[in-house]
Amino acid sequence: MPLETFQALVAMVTSRVQGRRVLPALADELNGEFAAGGEWFRKVEAACHDGIREGWMCAREAGGIRYGRVIAAGPATHGYSVDVVHMKDVIGPRHRHPKGEIDLIMPIDPKAKFDGRGAGWLVYPPDSVHPPTVTDGAALVLYLLPDGEIDFKPAA
């Protein structure tokens, strides 16, 4: 799948959340409209696997995590950046979400969980902090960041 097609799929979500506060309750709405196992979810999941195979997604690796910013924040994605990570039984670097983070969890191994959650959406509010963790196998996580903001600096 070309990057442009992937971007159009993601824009379906970013158009729905544009201008809204990034709060955990948003996950319920996204899990209803863009549900795990649904047609949209399957298309995005397939696009991620294709992008990884083709080398335009998850092109970097550090600490056992494959990752990469696929789309910079901009008008095409309503001010959200799009990153995808491939993690397997690993704890990632602790970071803060200045404006929140919207995660789409796509287990590769059926029991894999990201931060304790299986397939679907998870939303972190502004100023939340976590070390992203995948357990029970491998998963892909697509994350949307308002204005592309993420802070990996250690707390003072």
N, C-alpha and C. Protein backbone atom coordinates (compact mmCIF):
# COMPACT_ATOMS: atom_id res chain seq x y z
N MET A 1 0.85 -1.18 0.00
CA MET A 1 0.00 0.00 0.00
C MET A 1 0.89 1.24 0.00
N PRO A 2 0.59 2.18 -0.86
CA PRO A 2 1.37 3.43 -0.88
C PRO A 2 1.13 4.26 0.38
N LEU A 3 2.13 5.06 0.73
CA LEU A 3 2.04 5.93 1.89
C LEU A 3 0.82 6.85 1.80
N GLU A 4 0.50 7.33 0.62
CA GLU A 4 -0.64 8.24 0.45
C GLU A 4 -1.95 7.56 0.85
N THR A 5 -2.10 6.29 0.52
CA THR A 5 -3.32 5.54 0.87
C THR A 5 -3.39 5.34 2.37
N PHE A 6 -2.25 5.02 2.97
CA PHE A 6 -2.19 4.87 4.43
C PHE A 6 -2.56 6.20 5.09
N GLN A 7 -2.02 7.30 4.59
CA GLN A 7 -2.31 8.60 5.15
C GLN A 7 -3.81 8.90 5.08
N ALA A 8 -4.46 8.55 3.98
CA ALA A 8 -5.90 8.78 3.84
C ALA A 8 -6.69 7.97 4.86
N LEU A 9 -6.26 6.75 5.12
CA LEU A 9 -6.93 5.92 6.14
C LEU A 9 -6.81 6.56 7.53
N VAL A 10 -5.61 6.99 7.87
CA VAL A 10 -5.38 7.60 9.18
C VAL A 10 -6.15 8.92 9.29
N ALA A 11 -6.24 9.65 8.21
CA ALA A 11 -6.95 10.94 8.22
C ALA A 11 -8.44 10.76 8.54
N MET A 12 -8.98 9.59 8.31
CA MET A 12 -10.37 9.33 8.69
C MET A 12 -10.53 9.47 10.21
N VAL A 13 -9.51 9.04 10.95
CA VAL A 13 -9.54 9.16 12.41
C VAL A 13 -9.18 10.58 12.84
N THR A 14 -8.12 11.12 12.29
CA THR A 14 -7.68 12.45 12.73
C THR A 14 -8.73 13.52 12.42
N SER A 15 -9.53 13.32 11.39
CA SER A 15 -10.60 14.28 11.11
C SER A 15 -11.67 14.23 12.20
N ARG A 16 -11.85 13.07 12.83
CA ARG A 16 -12.85 12.92 13.90
C ARG A 16 -12.37 13.52 15.22
N VAL A 17 -11.06 13.52 15.44
CA VAL A 17 -10.54 14.00 16.73
C VAL A 17 -9.97 15.42 16.64
N GLN A 18 -9.92 15.96 15.45
CA GLN A 18 -9.38 17.30 15.24
C GLN A 18 -10.06 18.32 16.14
N GLY A 19 -9.25 19.11 16.84
CA GLY A 19 -9.76 20.19 17.67
C GLY A 19 -10.35 19.75 19.00
N ARG A 20 -10.33 18.47 19.28
CA ARG A 20 -10.87 17.96 20.54
C ARG A 20 -9.75 17.73 21.54
N ARG A 21 -10.10 17.82 22.82
CA ARG A 21 -9.11 17.48 23.86
C ARG A 21 -8.86 15.98 23.81
N VAL A 22 -7.61 15.61 23.97
CA VAL A 22 -7.21 14.21 23.95
C VAL A 22 -7.36 13.67 25.38
N LEU A 23 -8.49 13.02 25.61
CA LEU A 23 -8.81 12.48 26.94
C LEU A 23 -9.15 11.00 26.82
N PRO A 24 -8.94 10.22 27.89
CA PRO A 24 -9.18 8.77 27.83
C PRO A 24 -10.56 8.36 27.31
N ALA A 25 -11.60 9.12 27.57
CA ALA A 25 -12.95 8.76 27.10
C ALA A 25 -13.02 8.69 25.58
N LEU A 26 -12.11 9.35 24.91
CA LEU A 26 -12.06 9.30 23.45
C LEU A 26 -11.83 7.88 22.94
N ALA A 27 -11.16 7.06 23.73
CA ALA A 27 -10.90 5.67 23.33
C ALA A 27 -12.21 4.91 23.11
N ASP A 28 -13.21 5.14 23.96
CA ASP A 28 -14.49 4.45 23.80
C ASP A 28 -15.12 4.79 22.46
N GLU A 29 -15.08 6.06 22.10
CA GLU A 29 -15.64 6.50 20.83
C GLU A 29 -14.90 5.86 19.65
N LEU A 30 -13.57 5.89 19.71
CA LEU A 30 -12.77 5.30 18.63
C LEU A 30 -12.95 3.79 18.56
N ASN A 31 -13.04 3.14 19.72
CA ASN A 31 -13.25 1.69 19.72
C ASN A 31 -14.62 1.32 19.15
N GLY A 32 -15.57 2.24 19.19
CA GLY A 32 -16.86 2.00 18.57
C GLY A 32 -16.83 2.23 17.07
N GLU A 33 -16.26 3.35 16.66
CA GLU A 33 -16.28 3.73 15.26
C GLU A 33 -15.21 3.05 14.41
N PHE A 34 -14.05 2.80 14.99
CA PHE A 34 -12.93 2.19 14.27
C PHE A 34 -12.48 0.94 15.04
N ALA A 35 -13.41 0.03 15.25
CA ALA A 35 -13.22 -1.11 16.14
C ALA A 35 -12.16 -2.11 15.65
N ALA A 36 -11.48 -2.71 16.63
CA ALA A 36 -10.55 -3.81 16.33
C ALA A 36 -11.32 -4.90 15.61
N GLY A 37 -10.73 -5.40 14.54
CA GLY A 37 -11.38 -6.44 13.75
C GLY A 37 -12.30 -5.92 12.66
N GLY A 38 -12.64 -4.62 12.72
CA GLY A 38 -13.49 -4.03 11.69
C GLY A 38 -12.72 -3.79 10.40
N GLU A 39 -13.44 -3.37 9.37
CA GLU A 39 -12.83 -3.18 8.05
C GLU A 39 -11.71 -2.14 8.09
N TRP A 40 -11.95 -0.98 8.73
CA TRP A 40 -10.92 0.05 8.80
C TRP A 40 -9.68 -0.48 9.51
N PHE A 41 -9.88 -1.13 10.66
CA PHE A 41 -8.78 -1.68 11.45
C PHE A 41 -7.97 -2.66 10.59
N ARG A 42 -8.65 -3.56 9.91
CA ARG A 42 -7.93 -4.56 9.07
C ARG A 42 -7.11 -3.89 7.98
N LYS A 43 -7.64 -2.83 7.37
CA LYS A 43 -6.90 -2.12 6.32
C LYS A 43 -5.65 -1.45 6.88
N VAL A 44 -5.79 -0.80 8.02
CA VAL A 44 -4.63 -0.12 8.62
C VAL A 44 -3.59 -1.15 9.07
N GLU A 45 -4.04 -2.22 9.68
CA GLU A 45 -3.13 -3.28 10.11
C GLU A 45 -2.36 -3.85 8.92
N ALA A 46 -3.05 -4.14 7.83
CA ALA A 46 -2.40 -4.66 6.63
C ALA A 46 -1.42 -3.64 6.06
N ALA A 47 -1.81 -2.36 6.08
CA ALA A 47 -0.93 -1.30 5.58
C ALA A 47 0.35 -1.22 6.40
N CYS A 48 0.23 -1.38 7.71
CA CYS A 48 1.42 -1.35 8.56
C CYS A 48 2.35 -2.51 8.25
N HIS A 49 1.81 -3.70 8.12
CA HIS A 49 2.66 -4.85 7.79
C HIS A 49 3.30 -4.66 6.41
N ASP A 50 2.54 -4.14 5.45
CA ASP A 50 3.10 -3.88 4.11
C ASP A 50 4.20 -2.83 4.19
N GLY A 51 3.95 -1.75 4.91
CA GLY A 51 4.93 -0.67 5.04
C GLY A 51 6.23 -1.14 5.67
N ILE A 52 6.12 -2.01 6.66
CA ILE A 52 7.32 -2.57 7.29
C ILE A 52 8.08 -3.43 6.29
N ARG A 53 7.36 -4.29 5.59
CA ARG A 53 8.00 -5.13 4.58
C ARG A 53 8.67 -4.30 3.49
N GLU A 54 8.01 -3.20 3.10
CA GLU A 54 8.53 -2.35 2.02
C GLU A 54 9.62 -1.39 2.50
N GLY A 55 9.81 -1.28 3.82
CA GLY A 55 10.89 -0.47 4.37
C GLY A 55 10.58 0.99 4.64
N TRP A 56 9.34 1.45 4.41
CA TRP A 56 9.01 2.85 4.67
C TRP A 56 8.37 3.05 6.05
N MET A 57 8.23 1.98 6.79
CA MET A 57 7.67 2.06 8.14
C MET A 57 8.56 1.25 9.08
N CYS A 58 8.73 1.76 10.31
CA CYS A 58 9.55 1.09 11.34
C CYS A 58 10.97 0.85 10.82
N ALA A 59 11.53 1.84 10.17
CA ALA A 59 12.84 1.69 9.53
C ALA A 59 14.01 1.83 10.51
N ARG A 60 13.74 2.29 11.73
CA ARG A 60 14.79 2.44 12.74
C ARG A 60 14.63 1.37 13.80
N GLU A 61 15.74 1.12 14.52
CA GLU A 61 15.66 0.14 15.62
C GLU A 61 16.59 0.57 16.75
N ALA A 62 16.08 0.41 17.97
CA ALA A 62 16.88 0.68 19.17
C ALA A 62 16.27 -0.10 20.32
N GLY A 63 17.11 -0.75 21.09
CA GLY A 63 16.64 -1.46 22.27
C GLY A 63 15.60 -2.53 21.98
N GLY A 64 15.67 -3.14 20.81
CA GLY A 64 14.71 -4.19 20.46
C GLY A 64 13.38 -3.65 19.97
N ILE A 65 13.29 -2.35 19.74
CA ILE A 65 12.05 -1.73 19.27
C ILE A 65 12.31 -1.17 17.87
N ARG A 66 11.45 -1.56 16.93
CA ARG A 66 11.50 -0.97 15.60
C ARG A 66 10.50 0.17 15.59
N TYR A 67 10.86 1.31 15.02
CA TYR A 67 10.00 2.48 15.13
C TYR A 67 10.25 3.45 13.99
N GLY A 68 9.40 4.46 13.93
CA GLY A 68 9.62 5.55 12.99
C GLY A 68 8.41 6.44 12.84
N ARG A 69 8.69 7.70 12.59
CA ARG A 69 7.61 8.66 12.28
C ARG A 69 7.28 8.46 10.82
N VAL A 70 6.04 8.11 10.57
CA VAL A 70 5.58 7.83 9.21
C VAL A 70 5.08 9.10 8.54
N ILE A 71 4.39 9.93 9.32
CA ILE A 71 3.83 11.17 8.78
C ILE A 71 4.05 12.28 9.81
N ALA A 72 4.62 13.38 9.37
CA ALA A 72 4.80 14.54 10.25
C ALA A 72 3.45 15.21 10.47
N ALA A 73 3.31 15.88 11.59
CA ALA A 73 2.08 16.62 11.87
C ALA A 73 1.88 17.68 10.78
N GLY A 74 0.67 17.75 10.28
CA GLY A 74 0.38 18.73 9.24
C GLY A 74 -1.07 18.70 8.83
N PRO A 75 -1.43 19.49 7.85
CA PRO A 75 -2.83 19.60 7.43
C PRO A 75 -3.45 18.27 6.98
N ALA A 76 -2.68 17.42 6.31
CA ALA A 76 -3.24 16.16 5.78
C ALA A 76 -3.74 15.23 6.89
N THR A 77 -3.14 15.38 8.08
CA THR A 77 -3.57 14.55 9.22
C THR A 77 -4.08 15.44 10.35
N HIS A 78 -4.60 16.60 9.99
CA HIS A 78 -5.30 17.47 10.93
C HIS A 78 -4.45 17.84 12.15
N GLY A 79 -3.15 18.05 11.92
CA GLY A 79 -2.26 18.48 12.99
C GLY A 79 -1.68 17.36 13.83
N TYR A 80 -1.92 16.12 13.46
CA TYR A 80 -1.37 14.97 14.20
C TYR A 80 -0.20 14.37 13.43
N SER A 81 0.83 13.95 14.16
CA SER A 81 1.87 13.12 13.56
C SER A 81 1.44 11.67 13.71
N VAL A 82 2.02 10.82 12.88
CA VAL A 82 1.71 9.39 12.91
C VAL A 82 3.02 8.63 13.03
N ASP A 83 3.15 7.87 14.10
CA ASP A 83 4.32 7.02 14.32
C ASP A 83 3.83 5.58 14.46
N VAL A 84 4.68 4.63 14.10
CA VAL A 84 4.37 3.22 14.29
C VAL A 84 5.58 2.55 14.92
N VAL A 85 5.31 1.70 15.91
CA VAL A 85 6.37 0.92 16.55
C VAL A 85 6.02 -0.57 16.50
N HIS A 86 7.06 -1.37 16.43
CA HIS A 86 6.94 -2.82 16.55
C HIS A 86 7.70 -3.20 17.82
N MET A 87 6.97 -3.78 18.77
CA MET A 87 7.58 -4.14 20.06
C MET A 87 7.23 -5.58 20.38
N LYS A 88 8.15 -6.26 21.03
CA LYS A 88 7.89 -7.63 21.47
C LYS A 88 8.48 -7.82 22.87
N ASP A 89 7.59 -8.04 23.83
CA ASP A 89 8.01 -8.32 25.21
C ASP A 89 9.12 -7.37 25.66
N VAL A 90 8.83 -6.08 25.62
CA VAL A 90 9.85 -5.08 25.92
C VAL A 90 9.21 -3.85 26.58
N ILE A 91 10.02 -3.19 27.38
CA ILE A 91 9.62 -1.91 27.97
C ILE A 91 10.40 -0.83 27.25
N GLY A 92 9.68 0.12 26.69
CA GLY A 92 10.30 1.21 25.94
C GLY A 92 10.70 2.36 26.83
N PRO A 93 11.26 3.40 26.21
CA PRO A 93 11.73 4.56 26.98
C PRO A 93 10.57 5.38 27.55
N ARG A 94 10.70 5.72 28.83
CA ARG A 94 9.70 6.54 29.51
C ARG A 94 9.62 7.90 28.80
N HIS A 95 8.39 8.36 28.62
CA HIS A 95 8.21 9.65 27.96
C HIS A 95 6.91 10.31 28.41
N ARG A 96 6.80 11.60 28.08
CA ARG A 96 5.62 12.40 28.45
C ARG A 96 4.90 12.83 27.18
N HIS A 97 3.60 12.93 27.30
CA HIS A 97 2.75 13.36 26.19
C HIS A 97 2.26 14.78 26.49
N PRO A 98 2.95 15.82 26.03
CA PRO A 98 2.54 17.19 26.35
C PRO A 98 1.08 17.50 26.01
N LYS A 99 0.61 16.97 24.88
CA LYS A 99 -0.76 17.24 24.44
C LYS A 99 -1.62 15.97 24.36
N GLY A 100 -1.09 14.86 24.89
CA GLY A 100 -1.81 13.59 24.85
C GLY A 100 -1.28 12.68 23.75
N GLU A 101 -1.77 11.46 23.76
CA GLU A 101 -1.35 10.46 22.77
C GLU A 101 -2.53 9.53 22.52
N ILE A 102 -2.80 9.24 21.26
CA ILE A 102 -3.87 8.33 20.86
C ILE A 102 -3.20 7.12 20.23
N ASP A 103 -3.39 5.94 20.85
CA ASP A 103 -2.72 4.72 20.41
C ASP A 103 -3.70 3.73 19.81
N LEU A 104 -3.30 3.12 18.70
CA LEU A 104 -4.03 2.00 18.11
C LEU A 104 -3.15 0.77 18.28
N ILE A 105 -3.65 -0.20 19.04
CA ILE A 105 -2.90 -1.41 19.36
C ILE A 105 -3.31 -2.52 18.39
N MET A 106 -2.30 -3.10 17.72
CA MET A 106 -2.53 -4.16 16.75
C MET A 106 -1.66 -5.36 17.12
N PRO A 107 -2.18 -6.28 17.93
CA PRO A 107 -1.37 -7.43 18.32
C PRO A 107 -0.96 -8.27 17.11
N ILE A 108 0.29 -8.66 17.08
CA ILE A 108 0.76 -9.62 16.09
C ILE A 108 0.53 -11.02 16.66
N ASP A 109 0.92 -11.20 17.91
CA ASP A 109 0.62 -12.43 18.64
C ASP A 109 -0.72 -12.21 19.33
N PRO A 110 -1.64 -13.16 19.23
CA PRO A 110 -3.02 -12.94 19.71
C PRO A 110 -3.15 -12.42 21.14
N LYS A 111 -2.25 -12.83 22.04
CA LYS A 111 -2.37 -12.41 23.44
C LYS A 111 -1.54 -11.18 23.79
N ALA A 112 -0.84 -10.62 22.81
CA ALA A 112 0.02 -9.48 23.07
C ALA A 112 -0.80 -8.29 23.57
N LYS A 113 -0.21 -7.57 24.51
CA LYS A 113 -0.85 -6.40 25.10
C LYS A 113 0.14 -5.23 25.12
N PHE A 114 -0.41 -4.05 24.92
CA PHE A 114 0.35 -2.81 25.04
C PHE A 114 -0.18 -2.09 26.27
N ASP A 115 0.69 -1.86 27.23
CA ASP A 115 0.29 -1.23 28.49
C ASP A 115 -0.95 -1.89 29.09
N GLY A 116 -0.97 -3.22 28.98
CA GLY A 116 -2.05 -4.01 29.58
C GLY A 116 -3.31 -4.12 28.74
N ARG A 117 -3.31 -3.58 27.54
CA ARG A 117 -4.50 -3.59 26.68
C ARG A 117 -4.26 -4.39 25.42
N GLY A 118 -5.29 -5.09 24.98
CA GLY A 118 -5.24 -5.82 23.72
C GLY A 118 -5.63 -4.92 22.56
N ALA A 119 -6.06 -5.54 21.48
CA ALA A 119 -6.39 -4.82 20.24
C ALA A 119 -7.40 -3.71 20.47
N GLY A 120 -7.13 -2.57 19.84
CA GLY A 120 -8.04 -1.43 19.92
C GLY A 120 -7.33 -0.16 20.31
N TRP A 121 -8.10 0.80 20.79
CA TRP A 121 -7.61 2.14 21.08
C TRP A 121 -7.35 2.37 22.56
N LEU A 122 -6.32 3.13 22.84
CA LEU A 122 -5.95 3.55 24.19
C LEU A 122 -5.54 5.03 24.07
N VAL A 123 -6.06 5.87 24.96
CA VAL A 123 -5.78 7.29 24.88
C VAL A 123 -5.18 7.78 26.19
N TYR A 124 -4.04 8.46 26.08
CA TYR A 124 -3.39 9.08 27.23
C TYR A 124 -3.65 10.58 27.18
N PRO A 125 -4.01 11.19 28.32
CA PRO A 125 -4.32 12.62 28.34
C PRO A 125 -3.05 13.48 28.31
N PRO A 126 -3.22 14.79 28.11
CA PRO A 126 -2.07 15.70 28.15
C PRO A 126 -1.30 15.57 29.47
N ASP A 127 0.01 15.67 29.36
CA ASP A 127 0.96 15.60 30.47
C ASP A 127 1.07 14.22 31.13
N SER A 128 0.49 13.20 30.54
CA SER A 128 0.65 11.85 31.08
C SER A 128 2.06 11.34 30.74
N VAL A 129 2.51 10.40 31.55
CA VAL A 129 3.86 9.83 31.41
C VAL A 129 3.75 8.32 31.52
N HIS A 130 4.52 7.60 30.70
CA HIS A 130 4.57 6.14 30.83
C HIS A 130 5.80 5.58 30.11
N PRO A 131 6.22 4.38 30.53
CA PRO A 131 7.18 3.63 29.72
C PRO A 131 6.34 2.65 28.89
N PRO A 132 6.25 2.81 27.58
CA PRO A 132 5.42 1.92 26.78
C PRO A 132 5.90 0.48 26.91
N THR A 133 4.96 -0.42 27.16
CA THR A 133 5.32 -1.81 27.48
C THR A 133 4.47 -2.78 26.68
N VAL A 134 5.11 -3.70 25.99
CA VAL A 134 4.39 -4.78 25.31
C VAL A 134 4.75 -6.09 26.00
N THR A 135 3.71 -6.84 26.35
CA THR A 135 3.86 -8.14 27.01
C THR A 135 3.13 -9.21 26.20
N ASP A 136 3.47 -10.45 26.49
CA ASP A 136 2.79 -11.61 25.90
C ASP A 136 2.93 -11.70 24.39
N GLY A 137 4.06 -11.26 23.86
CA GLY A 137 4.30 -11.39 22.43
C GLY A 137 4.59 -10.07 21.76
N ALA A 138 4.33 -10.04 20.46
CA ALA A 138 4.64 -8.87 19.65
C ALA A 138 3.37 -8.12 19.27
N ALA A 139 3.52 -6.80 19.13
CA ALA A 139 2.42 -5.95 18.70
C ALA A 139 2.96 -4.76 17.92
N LEU A 140 2.11 -4.26 17.04
CA LEU A 140 2.35 -2.98 16.41
C LEU A 140 1.50 -1.96 17.14
N VAL A 141 2.03 -0.77 17.33
CA VAL A 141 1.26 0.32 17.92
C VAL A 141 1.43 1.53 17.02
N LEU A 142 0.30 2.03 16.55
CA LEU A 142 0.27 3.27 15.79
C LEU A 142 -0.12 4.35 16.77
N TYR A 143 0.66 5.43 16.83
CA TYR A 143 0.28 6.48 17.76
C TYR A 143 0.22 7.83 17.09
N LEU A 144 -0.81 8.56 17.49
CA LEU A 144 -1.08 9.89 16.98
C LEU A 144 -0.74 10.91 18.05
N LEU A 145 0.06 11.89 17.68
CA LEU A 145 0.49 12.93 18.62
C LEU A 145 0.05 14.29 18.11
N PRO A 146 -0.77 15.03 18.91
CA PRO A 146 -1.13 16.38 18.50
C PRO A 146 0.12 17.24 18.30
N ASP A 147 0.21 17.86 17.15
CA ASP A 147 1.36 18.70 16.77
C ASP A 147 2.69 17.94 16.83
N GLY A 148 2.62 16.61 16.86
CA GLY A 148 3.83 15.79 16.86
C GLY A 148 4.61 15.84 18.15
N GLU A 149 3.98 16.33 19.22
CA GLU A 149 4.73 16.57 20.47
C GLU A 149 4.85 15.32 21.34
N ILE A 150 6.10 15.04 21.72
CA ILE A 150 6.43 13.97 22.65
C ILE A 150 7.72 14.41 23.34
N ASP A 151 7.85 14.07 24.61
CA ASP A 151 8.99 14.53 25.39
C ASP A 151 9.69 13.33 26.04
N PHE A 152 10.89 13.04 25.58
CA PHE A 152 11.67 11.93 26.13
C PHE A 152 12.66 12.38 27.18
N LYS A 153 12.66 13.67 27.53
CA LYS A 153 13.60 14.17 28.55
C LYS A 153 13.24 13.62 29.92
N PRO A 154 14.22 13.27 30.72
CA PRO A 154 13.92 12.81 32.08
C PRO A 154 13.32 13.92 32.93
N ALA A 155 12.46 13.52 33.85
CA ALA A 155 11.83 14.51 34.75
C ALA A 155 12.90 15.18 35.59
N ALA A 156 12.73 16.46 35.81
CA ALA A 156 13.72 17.22 36.59
C ALA A 156 13.52 17.02 38.07
